[in-house]
Amino acid sequence: MFEFLITLLLATAILISLMAVGVAITMPFHGALVRLRANYNPHAVGLDAQSRVGPTLTTLIGTLKRTKQLEGWWGTYPTLAYTTLVSIASIIFVGGSSTKGPKNTYSVPEAGGVRMGLFTIVLTLIALPMTVIINRTSLRVLLSPHELAKPYMLYLTPGLLATTFVHSLCVTLVARTMRVFFLGASAPEDIPDTISPWRWMIFILWQALATGWLTPLEVVSTRLSVQPNTPGAVATEEEEQGPPEGVSFCGTDEDVIGLRPTTEPYLGMIDCGRKVIEEEGWQSLYRGFWWTMLSNVFGAFA
């Protein structure tokens, strides 16, 4: 019994250490991805098409460098404590029974039919508040007093529930259906050995092409999640004396990125996508697309 406990503690320590290394490597990039996608960088009115208002960030590495320059190395680890706690909890309560794929990859559950539908709904309900908290923590933008008093208001954020549900649907039901269609099974261990390499290549290509709709959904989700639920928001004196064209900088004394003014909020999923295209160009909907593509392609083997 004593030897079993020692082995268990040792295995847990090794798992925690490996997860810590993974978090240390991926967290700066995830934080930069949130900042890149949340950055409000509209075209300047009345000037040439190349002129923009606020910080201009176009790449993940560029965003990471700007964050490090303005906030130091600590600024690249905005959710260190939170992620560490979640990682440890996942080992304790889930352990080796988890069937999920590697971190930041899209893995498809084995269940189908009604169970898959229920899984999608539960995933949506869990993912929505977590998305809001993680993204705002990354930007150091806290929950508004209205949201703290009524936490359920997070689910009423215009368009966020619909965006999260559609995204969850894409990475569960649609992904599983296409895996079964191309490979004949939903779980990697159930895929027949006789499956042609060409079918694997087509499935991987499908996973890569799925970036075409997953990335815009993630960008829209990021924009909506950092938008506070404050009824009747009125610009404060600080906002009026702030950056040009009503663009507010996120956090306190921070100008890594700009945020859309709360006086002109996005009204929903479609409205957000439309305004991003009109004000910042369609390319803004594909910020960090390669990160999503790599995650989706690696998820094909999970």
C-alpha atoms as a PDB file:
ATOM      1  CA  MET A   1       0.000   0.000   0.000  1.00  0.00           C
ATOM      2  CA  PHE A   2       2.833   2.358   0.922  1.00  0.00           C
ATOM      3  CA  GLU A   3       4.625   1.648  -2.360  1.00  0.00           C
ATOM      4  CA  PHE A   4       1.406   2.312  -4.288  1.00  0.00           C
ATOM      5  CA  LEU A   5       0.991   5.714  -2.625  1.00  0.00           C
ATOM      6  CA  ILE A   6       4.600   6.643  -3.362  1.00  0.00           C
ATOM      7  CA  THR A   7       4.158   5.600  -7.015  1.00  0.00           C
ATOM      8  CA  LEU A   8       0.909   7.584  -7.252  1.00  0.00           C
ATOM      9  CA  LEU A   9       2.479  10.710  -5.774  1.00  0.00           C
ATOM     10  CA  LEU A  10       5.482  10.355  -8.073  1.00  0.00           C
ATOM     11  CA  ALA A  11       3.294   9.940 -11.154  1.00  0.00           C
ATOM     12  CA  THR A  12       1.198  12.941 -10.118  1.00  0.00           C
ATOM     13  CA  ALA A  13       4.316  15.069  -9.595  1.00  0.00           C
ATOM     14  CA  ILE A  14       5.632  14.097 -13.035  1.00  0.00           C
ATOM     15  CA  LEU A  15       2.287  14.910 -14.669  1.00  0.00           C
ATOM     16  CA  ILE A  16       2.139  18.289 -12.910  1.00  0.00           C
ATOM     17  CA  SER A  17       5.724  19.058 -13.965  1.00  0.00           C
ATOM     18  CA  LEU A  18       5.032  18.170 -17.609  1.00  0.00           C
ATOM     19  CA  MET A  19       1.837  20.211 -17.577  1.00  0.00           C
ATOM     20  CA  ALA A  20       3.688  23.161 -16.022  1.00  0.00           C
ATOM     21  CA  VAL A  21       6.249  23.039 -18.829  1.00  0.00           C
ATOM     22  CA  GLY A  22       3.430  22.938 -21.389  1.00  0.00           C
ATOM     23  CA  VAL A  23       1.692  25.894 -19.755  1.00  0.00           C
ATOM     24  CA  ALA A  24       4.948  27.859 -19.586  1.00  0.00           C
ATOM     25  CA  ILE A  25       5.475  27.371 -23.320  1.00  0.00           C
ATOM     26  CA  THR A  26       1.933  27.921 -24.597  1.00  0.00           C
ATOM     27  CA  MET A  27       0.551  30.578 -22.232  1.00  0.00           C
ATOM     28  CA  PRO A  28       2.481  33.569 -23.661  1.00  0.00           C
ATOM     29  CA  PHE A  29       1.215  32.677 -27.129  1.00  0.00           C
ATOM     30  CA  HIS A  30      -2.365  32.198 -25.948  1.00  0.00           C
ATOM     31  CA  GLY A  31      -2.275  35.540 -24.114  1.00  0.00           C
ATOM     32  CA  ALA A  32      -0.855  37.229 -27.215  1.00  0.00           C
ATOM     33  CA  LEU A  33      -3.549  35.568 -29.332  1.00  0.00           C
ATOM     34  CA  VAL A  34      -6.301  37.023 -27.127  1.00  0.00           C
ATOM     35  CA  ARG A  35      -4.733  40.496 -27.315  1.00  0.00           C
ATOM     36  CA  LEU A  36      -4.255  40.246 -31.080  1.00  0.00           C
ATOM     37  CA  ARG A  37      -7.872  39.258 -31.685  1.00  0.00           C
ATOM     38  CA  ALA A  38      -9.313  41.731 -29.175  1.00  0.00           C
ATOM     39  CA  ASN A  39      -7.330  44.704 -30.517  1.00  0.00           C
ATOM     40  CA  TYR A  40      -9.628  47.351 -31.979  1.00  0.00           C
ATOM     41  CA  ASN A  41      -7.726  48.938 -34.856  1.00  0.00           C
ATOM     42  CA  PRO A  42     -10.179  50.742 -37.188  1.00  0.00           C
ATOM     43  CA  HIS A  43      -9.304  52.709 -40.298  1.00  0.00           C
ATOM     44  CA  ALA A  44      -8.835  56.408 -39.586  1.00  0.00           C
ATOM     45  CA  VAL A  45     -11.727  58.488 -40.924  1.00  0.00           C
ATOM     46  CA  GLY A  46     -10.796  60.961 -43.643  1.00  0.00           C
ATOM     47  CA  LEU A  47      -7.244  59.668 -44.085  1.00  0.00           C
ATOM     48  CA  ASP A  48      -5.702  57.206 -46.513  1.00  0.00           C
ATOM     49  CA  ALA A  49      -6.719  53.554 -46.387  1.00  0.00           C
ATOM     50  CA  GLN A  50      -3.451  52.564 -44.676  1.00  0.00           C
ATOM     51  CA  SER A  51      -3.917  54.884 -41.672  1.00  0.00           C
ATOM     52  CA  ARG A  52      -5.395  53.324 -38.563  1.00  0.00           C
ATOM     53  CA  VAL A  53      -6.398  54.424 -35.071  1.00  0.00           C
ATOM     54  CA  GLY A  54      -4.708  52.790 -32.099  1.00  0.00           C
ATOM     55  CA  PRO A  55      -1.956  50.141 -31.911  1.00  0.00           C
ATOM     56  CA  THR A  56      -1.511  48.218 -35.165  1.00  0.00           C
ATOM     57  CA  LEU A  57      -0.844  44.547 -34.489  1.00  0.00           C
ATOM     58  CA  THR A  58      -0.840  42.031 -37.321  1.00  0.00           C
ATOM     59  CA  THR A  59       1.078  38.998 -36.041  1.00  0.00           C
ATOM     60  CA  LEU A  60       1.194  36.855 -32.925  1.00  0.00           C
ATOM     61  CA  ILE A  61       4.938  37.319 -32.501  1.00  0.00           C
ATOM     62  CA  GLY A  62       4.591  41.088 -32.934  1.00  0.00           C
ATOM     63  CA  THR A  63       1.920  41.188 -30.236  1.00  0.00           C
ATOM     64  CA  LEU A  64       4.092  39.091 -27.923  1.00  0.00           C
ATOM     65  CA  LYS A  65       7.064  41.435 -28.444  1.00  0.00           C
ATOM     66  CA  ARG A  66       4.932  44.522 -27.789  1.00  0.00           C
ATOM     67  CA  THR A  67       3.530  43.001 -24.594  1.00  0.00           C
ATOM     68  CA  LYS A  68       7.009  42.111 -23.362  1.00  0.00           C
ATOM     69  CA  GLN A  69       8.304  45.579 -24.235  1.00  0.00           C
ATOM     70  CA  LEU A  70       5.541  47.424 -22.369  1.00  0.00           C
ATOM     71  CA  GLU A  71       4.816  45.052 -19.490  1.00  0.00           C
ATOM     72  CA  GLY A  72       7.876  42.860 -19.168  1.00  0.00           C
ATOM     73  CA  TRP A  73       7.956  39.065 -19.024  1.00  0.00           C
ATOM     74  CA  TRP A  74       5.257  38.956 -16.350  1.00  0.00           C
ATOM     75  CA  GLY A  75       2.859  40.593 -18.788  1.00  0.00           C
ATOM     76  CA  THR A  76       3.175  37.576 -21.091  1.00  0.00           C
ATOM     77  CA  TYR A  77       1.823  35.290 -18.324  1.00  0.00           C
ATOM     78  CA  PRO A  78      -1.509  36.998 -17.501  1.00  0.00           C
ATOM     79  CA  THR A  79      -3.372  33.869 -16.359  1.00  0.00           C
ATOM     80  CA  LEU A  80      -0.514  31.927 -14.763  1.00  0.00           C
ATOM     81  CA  ALA A  81      -2.145  31.326 -11.366  1.00  0.00           C
ATOM     82  CA  TYR A  82      -5.544  30.525 -12.857  1.00  0.00           C
ATOM     83  CA  THR A  83      -4.212  28.098 -15.450  1.00  0.00           C
ATOM     84  CA  THR A  84      -1.972  26.379 -12.899  1.00  0.00           C
ATOM     85  CA  LEU A  85      -4.921  25.772 -10.555  1.00  0.00           C
ATOM     86  CA  VAL A  86      -7.078  24.437 -13.398  1.00  0.00           C
ATOM     87  CA  SER A  87      -4.273  22.154 -14.586  1.00  0.00           C
ATOM     88  CA  ILE A  88      -3.687  20.711 -11.110  1.00  0.00           C
ATOM     89  CA  ALA A  89      -7.435  20.234 -10.598  1.00  0.00           C
ATOM     90  CA  SER A  90      -7.730  18.433 -13.929  1.00  0.00           C
ATOM     91  CA  ILE A  91      -5.031  15.970 -12.874  1.00  0.00           C
ATOM     92  CA  ILE A  92      -6.592  15.368  -9.465  1.00  0.00           C
ATOM     93  CA  PHE A  93     -10.192  14.989 -10.591  1.00  0.00           C
ATOM     94  CA  VAL A  94      -9.749  13.675 -14.137  1.00  0.00           C
ATOM     95  CA  GLY A  95      -6.374  11.980 -14.155  1.00  0.00           C
ATOM     96  CA  GLY A  96      -5.662   9.251 -16.645  1.00  0.00           C
ATOM     97  CA  SER A  97      -9.355   8.711 -17.439  1.00  0.00           C
ATOM     98  CA  SER A  98      -9.516  11.767 -19.674  1.00  0.00           C
ATOM     99  CA  THR A  99     -10.064  11.081 -23.367  1.00  0.00           C
ATOM    100  CA  LYS A 100      -9.330  14.658 -24.445  1.00  0.00           C
ATOM    101  CA  GLY A 101      -6.515  15.441 -26.810  1.00  0.00           C
ATOM    102  CA  PRO A 102      -3.449  17.593 -26.148  1.00  0.00           C
ATOM    103  CA  LYS A 103      -3.847  21.116 -24.813  1.00  0.00           C
ATOM    104  CA  ASN A 104      -5.336  23.548 -27.329  1.00  0.00           C
ATOM    105  CA  THR A 105      -6.358  20.787 -29.734  1.00  0.00           C
ATOM    106  CA  TYR A 106      -9.883  19.945 -30.764  1.00  0.00           C
ATOM    107  CA  SER A 107     -10.692  16.350 -29.814  1.00  0.00           C
ATOM    108  CA  VAL A 108     -14.010  14.699 -30.572  1.00  0.00           C
ATOM    109  CA  PRO A 109     -15.940  12.707 -27.950  1.00  0.00           C
ATOM    110  CA  GLU A 110     -16.992   9.168 -28.778  1.00  0.00           C
ATOM    111  CA  ALA A 111     -20.678   9.494 -27.863  1.00  0.00           C
ATOM    112  CA  GLY A 112     -23.224  10.257 -30.547  1.00  0.00           C
ATOM    113  CA  GLY A 113     -26.870  11.171 -31.019  1.00  0.00           C
ATOM    114  CA  VAL A 114     -28.623  12.650 -27.997  1.00  0.00           C
ATOM    115  CA  ARG A 115     -25.502  12.331 -25.847  1.00  0.00           C
ATOM    116  CA  MET A 116     -23.526  14.338 -28.368  1.00  0.00           C
ATOM    117  CA  GLY A 117     -26.234  17.040 -28.368  1.00  0.00           C
ATOM    118  CA  LEU A 118     -26.214  17.187 -24.568  1.00  0.00           C
ATOM    119  CA  PHE A 119     -22.424  17.314 -24.570  1.00  0.00           C
ATOM    120  CA  THR A 120     -22.510  20.282 -26.956  1.00  0.00           C
ATOM    121  CA  ILE A 121     -25.006  22.161 -24.761  1.00  0.00           C
ATOM    122  CA  VAL A 122     -23.029  21.491 -21.575  1.00  0.00           C
ATOM    123  CA  LEU A 123     -19.779  22.458 -23.322  1.00  0.00           C
ATOM    124  CA  THR A 124     -21.396  25.747 -24.387  1.00  0.00           C
ATOM    125  CA  LEU A 125     -22.663  26.551 -20.887  1.00  0.00           C
ATOM    126  CA  ILE A 126     -19.244  25.849 -19.368  1.00  0.00           C
ATOM    127  CA  ALA A 127     -17.166  27.452 -22.129  1.00  0.00           C
ATOM    128  CA  LEU A 128     -19.011  30.799 -22.160  1.00  0.00           C
ATOM    129  CA  PRO A 129     -18.156  32.091 -18.661  1.00  0.00           C
ATOM    130  CA  MET A 130     -14.696  30.539 -18.852  1.00  0.00           C
ATOM    131  CA  THR A 131     -14.058  32.340 -22.143  1.00  0.00           C
ATOM    132  CA  VAL A 132     -15.117  35.658 -20.632  1.00  0.00           C
ATOM    133  CA  ILE A 133     -12.990  35.208 -17.502  1.00  0.00           C
ATOM    134  CA  ILE A 134      -9.865  33.940 -19.298  1.00  0.00           C
ATOM    135  CA  ASN A 135      -9.978  36.582 -22.046  1.00  0.00           C
ATOM    136  CA  ARG A 136     -10.596  39.442 -19.651  1.00  0.00           C
ATOM    137  CA  THR A 137      -7.879  38.182 -17.313  1.00  0.00           C
ATOM    138  CA  SER A 138      -5.501  38.133 -20.274  1.00  0.00           C
ATOM    139  CA  LEU A 139      -6.334  41.797 -20.889  1.00  0.00           C
ATOM    140  CA  ARG A 140      -6.562  42.669 -17.185  1.00  0.00           C
ATOM    141  CA  VAL A 141     -10.103  43.894 -17.716  1.00  0.00           C
ATOM    142  CA  LEU A 142     -12.204  42.842 -14.740  1.00  0.00           C
ATOM    143  CA  LEU A 143     -15.898  42.031 -14.577  1.00  0.00           C
ATOM    144  CA  SER A 144     -18.103  45.114 -14.316  1.00  0.00           C
ATOM    145  CA  PRO A 145     -19.996  45.807 -11.045  1.00  0.00           C
ATOM    146  CA  HIS A 146     -23.192  44.909 -12.892  1.00  0.00           C
ATOM    147  CA  GLU A 147     -21.766  41.506 -13.848  1.00  0.00           C
ATOM    148  CA  LEU A 148     -20.423  40.848 -10.346  1.00  0.00           C
ATOM    149  CA  ALA A 149     -23.862  41.579  -8.893  1.00  0.00           C
ATOM    150  CA  LYS A 150     -25.592  39.411 -11.506  1.00  0.00           C
ATOM    151  CA  PRO A 151     -23.162  36.734 -12.826  1.00  0.00           C
ATOM    152  CA  TYR A 152     -25.845  35.257 -15.081  1.00  0.00           C
ATOM    153  CA  MET A 153     -25.534  38.422 -17.193  1.00  0.00           C
ATOM    154  CA  LEU A 154     -22.464  36.833 -18.786  1.00  0.00           C
ATOM    155  CA  TYR A 155     -24.844  34.486 -20.615  1.00  0.00           C
ATOM    156  CA  LEU A 156     -26.789  37.518 -21.848  1.00  0.00           C
ATOM    157  CA  THR A 157     -23.761  39.173 -23.453  1.00  0.00           C
ATOM    158  CA  PRO A 158     -25.093  40.083 -26.917  1.00  0.00           C
ATOM    159  CA  GLY A 159     -24.231  37.322 -29.376  1.00  0.00           C
ATOM    160  CA  LEU A 160     -21.750  35.481 -27.158  1.00  0.00           C
ATOM    161  CA  LEU A 161     -24.008  32.520 -26.334  1.00  0.00           C
ATOM    162  CA  ALA A 162     -24.877  32.004 -30.017  1.00  0.00           C
ATOM    163  CA  THR A 163     -21.211  32.291 -31.057  1.00  0.00           C
ATOM    164  CA  THR A 164     -20.060  29.862 -28.367  1.00  0.00           C
ATOM    165  CA  PHE A 165     -22.798  27.375 -29.270  1.00  0.00           C
ATOM    166  CA  VAL A 166     -21.988  27.447 -32.993  1.00  0.00           C
ATOM    167  CA  HIS A 167     -18.288  27.008 -32.230  1.00  0.00           C
ATOM    168  CA  SER A 168     -19.016  24.105 -29.866  1.00  0.00           C
ATOM    169  CA  LEU A 169     -21.243  22.548 -32.520  1.00  0.00           C
ATOM    170  CA  CYS A 170     -18.449  22.784 -35.092  1.00  0.00           C
ATOM    171  CA  VAL A 171     -15.822  21.148 -32.864  1.00  0.00           C
ATOM    172  CA  THR A 172     -18.111  18.358 -31.626  1.00  0.00           C
ATOM    173  CA  LEU A 173     -20.966  17.276 -33.885  1.00  0.00           C
ATOM    174  CA  VAL A 174     -19.571  18.483 -37.228  1.00  0.00           C
ATOM    175  CA  ALA A 175     -16.016  17.329 -36.480  1.00  0.00           C
ATOM    176  CA  ARG A 176     -17.181  13.899 -35.303  1.00  0.00           C
ATOM    177  CA  THR A 177     -19.454  13.453 -38.311  1.00  0.00           C
ATOM    178  CA  MET A 178     -16.634  14.257 -40.725  1.00  0.00           C
ATOM    179  CA  ARG A 179     -14.229  11.945 -38.875  1.00  0.00           C
ATOM    180  CA  VAL A 180     -16.708   9.074 -39.188  1.00  0.00           C
ATOM    181  CA  PHE A 181     -17.356   9.961 -42.837  1.00  0.00           C
ATOM    182  CA  PHE A 182     -13.684  10.007 -43.835  1.00  0.00           C
ATOM    183  CA  LEU A 183     -12.133   7.498 -41.419  1.00  0.00           C
ATOM    184  CA  GLY A 184     -15.038   5.253 -40.482  1.00  0.00           C
ATOM    185  CA  ALA A 185     -14.801   5.795 -36.705  1.00  0.00           C
ATOM    186  CA  SER A 186     -14.971   8.621 -34.163  1.00  0.00           C
ATOM    187  CA  ALA A 187     -12.153   7.395 -31.896  1.00  0.00           C
ATOM    188  CA  PRO A 188      -8.540   7.020 -33.168  1.00  0.00           C
ATOM    189  CA  GLU A 189      -8.204   3.510 -31.703  1.00  0.00           C
ATOM    190  CA  ASP A 190     -11.322   2.370 -33.603  1.00  0.00           C
ATOM    191  CA  ILE A 191     -10.112   3.505 -37.026  1.00  0.00           C
ATOM    192  CA  PRO A 192      -9.574   0.442 -39.257  1.00  0.00           C
ATOM    193  CA  ASP A 193      -6.004  -0.325 -40.295  1.00  0.00           C
ATOM    194  CA  THR A 194      -7.242  -0.694 -43.857  1.00  0.00           C
ATOM    195  CA  ILE A 195      -8.074   3.025 -44.151  1.00  0.00           C
ATOM    196  CA  SER A 196      -6.268   4.465 -47.151  1.00  0.00           C
ATOM    197  CA  PRO A 197      -3.581   7.155 -46.552  1.00  0.00           C
ATOM    198  CA  TRP A 198      -5.488   9.256 -49.074  1.00  0.00           C
ATOM    199  CA  ARG A 199      -8.522   9.301 -46.774  1.00  0.00           C
ATOM    200  CA  TRP A 200      -6.282  10.420 -43.933  1.00  0.00           C
ATOM    201  CA  MET A 201      -4.868  13.183 -46.128  1.00  0.00           C
ATOM    202  CA  ILE A 202      -8.368  14.325 -47.135  1.00  0.00           C
ATOM    203  CA  PHE A 203      -9.476  14.372 -43.493  1.00  0.00           C
ATOM    204  CA  ILE A 204      -6.421  16.395 -42.441  1.00  0.00           C
ATOM    205  CA  LEU A 205      -7.109  18.789 -45.330  1.00  0.00           C
ATOM    206  CA  TRP A 206     -10.701  19.111 -44.072  1.00  0.00           C
ATOM    207  CA  GLN A 207      -9.405  19.917 -40.589  1.00  0.00           C
ATOM    208  CA  ALA A 208      -7.177  22.618 -42.065  1.00  0.00           C
ATOM    209  CA  LEU A 209     -10.017  24.077 -44.153  1.00  0.00           C
ATOM    210  CA  ALA A 210     -12.228  24.207 -41.053  1.00  0.00           C
ATOM    211  CA  THR A 211     -10.006  27.093 -39.989  1.00  0.00           C
ATOM    212  CA  GLY A 212     -11.995  29.134 -42.515  1.00  0.00           C
ATOM    213  CA  TRP A 213     -15.019  29.288 -40.203  1.00  0.00           C
ATOM    214  CA  LEU A 214     -13.498  28.471 -36.803  1.00  0.00           C
ATOM    215  CA  THR A 215     -11.124  31.451 -36.790  1.00  0.00           C
ATOM    216  CA  PRO A 216     -13.812  34.110 -37.458  1.00  0.00           C
ATOM    217  CA  LEU A 217     -15.964  32.503 -34.748  1.00  0.00           C
ATOM    218  CA  GLU A 218     -13.067  32.700 -32.299  1.00  0.00           C
ATOM    219  CA  VAL A 219     -12.276  36.321 -33.202  1.00  0.00           C
ATOM    220  CA  VAL A 220     -15.941  37.314 -32.790  1.00  0.00           C
ATOM    221  CA  SER A 221     -16.114  35.362 -29.520  1.00  0.00           C
ATOM    222  CA  THR A 222     -13.048  37.203 -28.226  1.00  0.00           C
ATOM    223  CA  ARG A 223     -14.482  40.607 -29.148  1.00  0.00           C
ATOM    224  CA  LEU A 224     -17.831  39.856 -27.516  1.00  0.00           C
ATOM    225  CA  SER A 225     -16.285  38.301 -24.384  1.00  0.00           C
ATOM    226  CA  VAL A 226     -14.226  41.400 -23.509  1.00  0.00           C
ATOM    227  CA  GLN A 227     -17.234  43.680 -23.994  1.00  0.00           C
ATOM    228  CA  PRO A 228     -18.659  44.448 -20.523  1.00  0.00           C
ATOM    229  CA  ASN A 229     -22.345  44.160 -19.749  1.00  0.00           C
ATOM    230  CA  THR A 230     -22.962  47.659 -18.436  1.00  0.00           C
ATOM    231  CA  PRO A 231     -26.490  48.942 -19.095  1.00  0.00           C
ATOM    232  CA  GLY A 232     -26.731  52.531 -20.220  1.00  0.00           C
ATOM    233  CA  ALA A 233     -22.969  52.961 -20.445  1.00  0.00           C
ATOM    234  CA  VAL A 234     -21.934  56.577 -20.752  1.00  0.00           C
ATOM    235  CA  ALA A 235     -18.469  57.757 -21.607  1.00  0.00           C
ATOM    236  CA  THR A 236     -16.586  58.939 -18.521  1.00  0.00           C
ATOM    237  CA  GLU A 237     -14.371  62.004 -18.345  1.00  0.00           C
ATOM    238  CA  GLU A 238     -11.302  59.768 -18.627  1.00  0.00           C
ATOM    239  CA  GLU A 239     -12.703  58.132 -21.775  1.00  0.00           C
ATOM    240  CA  GLU A 240     -13.477  61.521 -23.276  1.00  0.00           C
ATOM    241  CA  GLN A 241      -9.894  62.659 -22.658  1.00  0.00           C
ATOM    242  CA  GLY A 242      -8.469  59.306 -23.783  1.00  0.00           C
ATOM    243  CA  PRO A 243      -7.287  57.994 -27.141  1.00  0.00           C
ATOM    244  CA  PRO A 244      -8.598  59.405 -30.444  1.00  0.00           C
ATOM    245  CA  GLU A 245     -11.909  58.342 -31.964  1.00  0.00           C
ATOM    246  CA  GLY A 246     -13.165  56.923 -28.656  1.00  0.00           C
ATOM    247  CA  VAL A 247     -10.750  53.976 -28.677  1.00  0.00           C
ATOM    248  CA  SER A 248     -10.029  52.927 -25.084  1.00  0.00           C
ATOM    249  CA  PHE A 249      -6.871  51.129 -24.013  1.00  0.00           C
ATOM    250  CA  CYS A 250      -7.332  47.926 -22.034  1.00  0.00           C
ATOM    251  CA  GLY A 251      -6.377  47.806 -18.388  1.00  0.00           C
ATOM    252  CA  THR A 252      -4.750  50.551 -16.340  1.00  0.00           C
ATOM    253  CA  ASP A 253      -1.942  52.627 -17.867  1.00  0.00           C
ATOM    254  CA  GLU A 254      -1.674  50.042 -20.615  1.00  0.00           C
ATOM    255  CA  ASP A 255      -1.614  50.635 -24.327  1.00  0.00           C
ATOM    256  CA  VAL A 256      -0.636  47.218 -25.641  1.00  0.00           C
ATOM    257  CA  ILE A 257      -3.951  47.116 -27.517  1.00  0.00           C
ATOM    258  CA  GLY A 258      -7.041  49.269 -27.991  1.00  0.00           C
ATOM    259  CA  LEU A 259     -10.605  48.224 -27.170  1.00  0.00           C
ATOM    260  CA  ARG A 260     -13.820  49.272 -28.843  1.00  0.00           C
ATOM    261  CA  PRO A 261     -15.551  52.028 -26.799  1.00  0.00           C
ATOM    262  CA  THR A 262     -18.319  50.741 -24.528  1.00  0.00           C
ATOM    263  CA  THR A 263     -20.618  53.470 -25.823  1.00  0.00           C
ATOM    264  CA  GLU A 264     -20.717  51.710 -29.210  1.00  0.00           C
ATOM    265  CA  PRO A 265     -20.968  47.994 -28.333  1.00  0.00           C
ATOM    266  CA  TYR A 266     -21.391  45.078 -30.692  1.00  0.00           C
ATOM    267  CA  LEU A 267     -25.059  44.052 -30.761  1.00  0.00           C
ATOM    268  CA  GLY A 268     -24.614  40.373 -31.619  1.00  0.00           C
ATOM    269  CA  MET A 269     -22.621  37.758 -33.517  1.00  0.00           C
ATOM    270  CA  ILE A 270     -23.568  38.962 -37.011  1.00  0.00           C
ATOM    271  CA  ASP A 271     -23.322  42.635 -36.031  1.00  0.00           C
ATOM    272  CA  CYS A 272     -19.840  42.056 -34.600  1.00  0.00           C
ATOM    273  CA  GLY A 273     -18.597  40.297 -37.726  1.00  0.00           C
ATOM    274  CA  ARG A 274     -20.090  42.981 -39.969  1.00  0.00           C
ATOM    275  CA  LYS A 275     -18.565  45.861 -38.003  1.00  0.00           C
ATOM    276  CA  VAL A 276     -15.147  44.202 -37.852  1.00  0.00           C
ATOM    277  CA  ILE A 277     -15.162  43.865 -41.651  1.00  0.00           C
ATOM    278  CA  GLU A 278     -16.455  47.416 -42.226  1.00  0.00           C
ATOM    279  CA  GLU A 279     -14.154  49.138 -39.739  1.00  0.00           C
ATOM    280  CA  GLU A 280     -11.005  47.006 -39.788  1.00  0.00           C
ATOM    281  CA  GLY A 281     -11.157  44.869 -42.933  1.00  0.00           C
ATOM    282  CA  TRP A 282     -12.051  41.195 -43.427  1.00  0.00           C
ATOM    283  CA  GLN A 283      -8.473  40.156 -42.654  1.00  0.00           C
ATOM    284  CA  SER A 284      -9.111  41.053 -39.000  1.00  0.00           C
ATOM    285  CA  LEU A 285     -11.467  38.071 -38.754  1.00  0.00           C
ATOM    286  CA  TYR A 286      -8.501  35.773 -39.467  1.00  0.00           C
ATOM    287  CA  ARG A 287      -6.052  37.047 -36.883  1.00  0.00           C
ATOM    288  CA  GLY A 288      -4.000  34.151 -35.556  1.00  0.00           C
ATOM    289  CA  PHE A 289      -5.509  31.747 -38.091  1.00  0.00           C
ATOM    290  CA  TRP A 290      -2.400  29.559 -38.166  1.00  0.00           C
ATOM    291  CA  TRP A 291      -2.720  28.906 -34.418  1.00  0.00           C
ATOM    292  CA  THR A 292      -6.264  27.617 -34.952  1.00  0.00           C
ATOM    293  CA  MET A 293      -5.159  25.635 -38.003  1.00  0.00           C
ATOM    294  CA  LEU A 294      -2.335  23.871 -36.165  1.00  0.00           C
ATOM    295  CA  SER A 295      -4.629  23.085 -33.224  1.00  0.00           C
ATOM    296  CA  ASN A 296      -7.266  21.679 -35.549  1.00  0.00           C
ATOM    297  CA  VAL A 297      -4.805  19.601 -37.594  1.00  0.00           C
ATOM    298  CA  PHE A 298      -3.181  18.125 -34.466  1.00  0.00           C
ATOM    299  CA  GLY A 299      -6.684  17.449 -33.170  1.00  0.00           C
ATOM    300  CA  ALA A 300      -7.181  15.091 -36.125  1.00  0.00           C
ATOM    301  CA  PHE A 301      -4.912  12.573 -34.373  1.00  0.00           C
ATOM    302  CA  ALA A 302      -6.512  12.974 -30.922  1.00  0.00           C
END
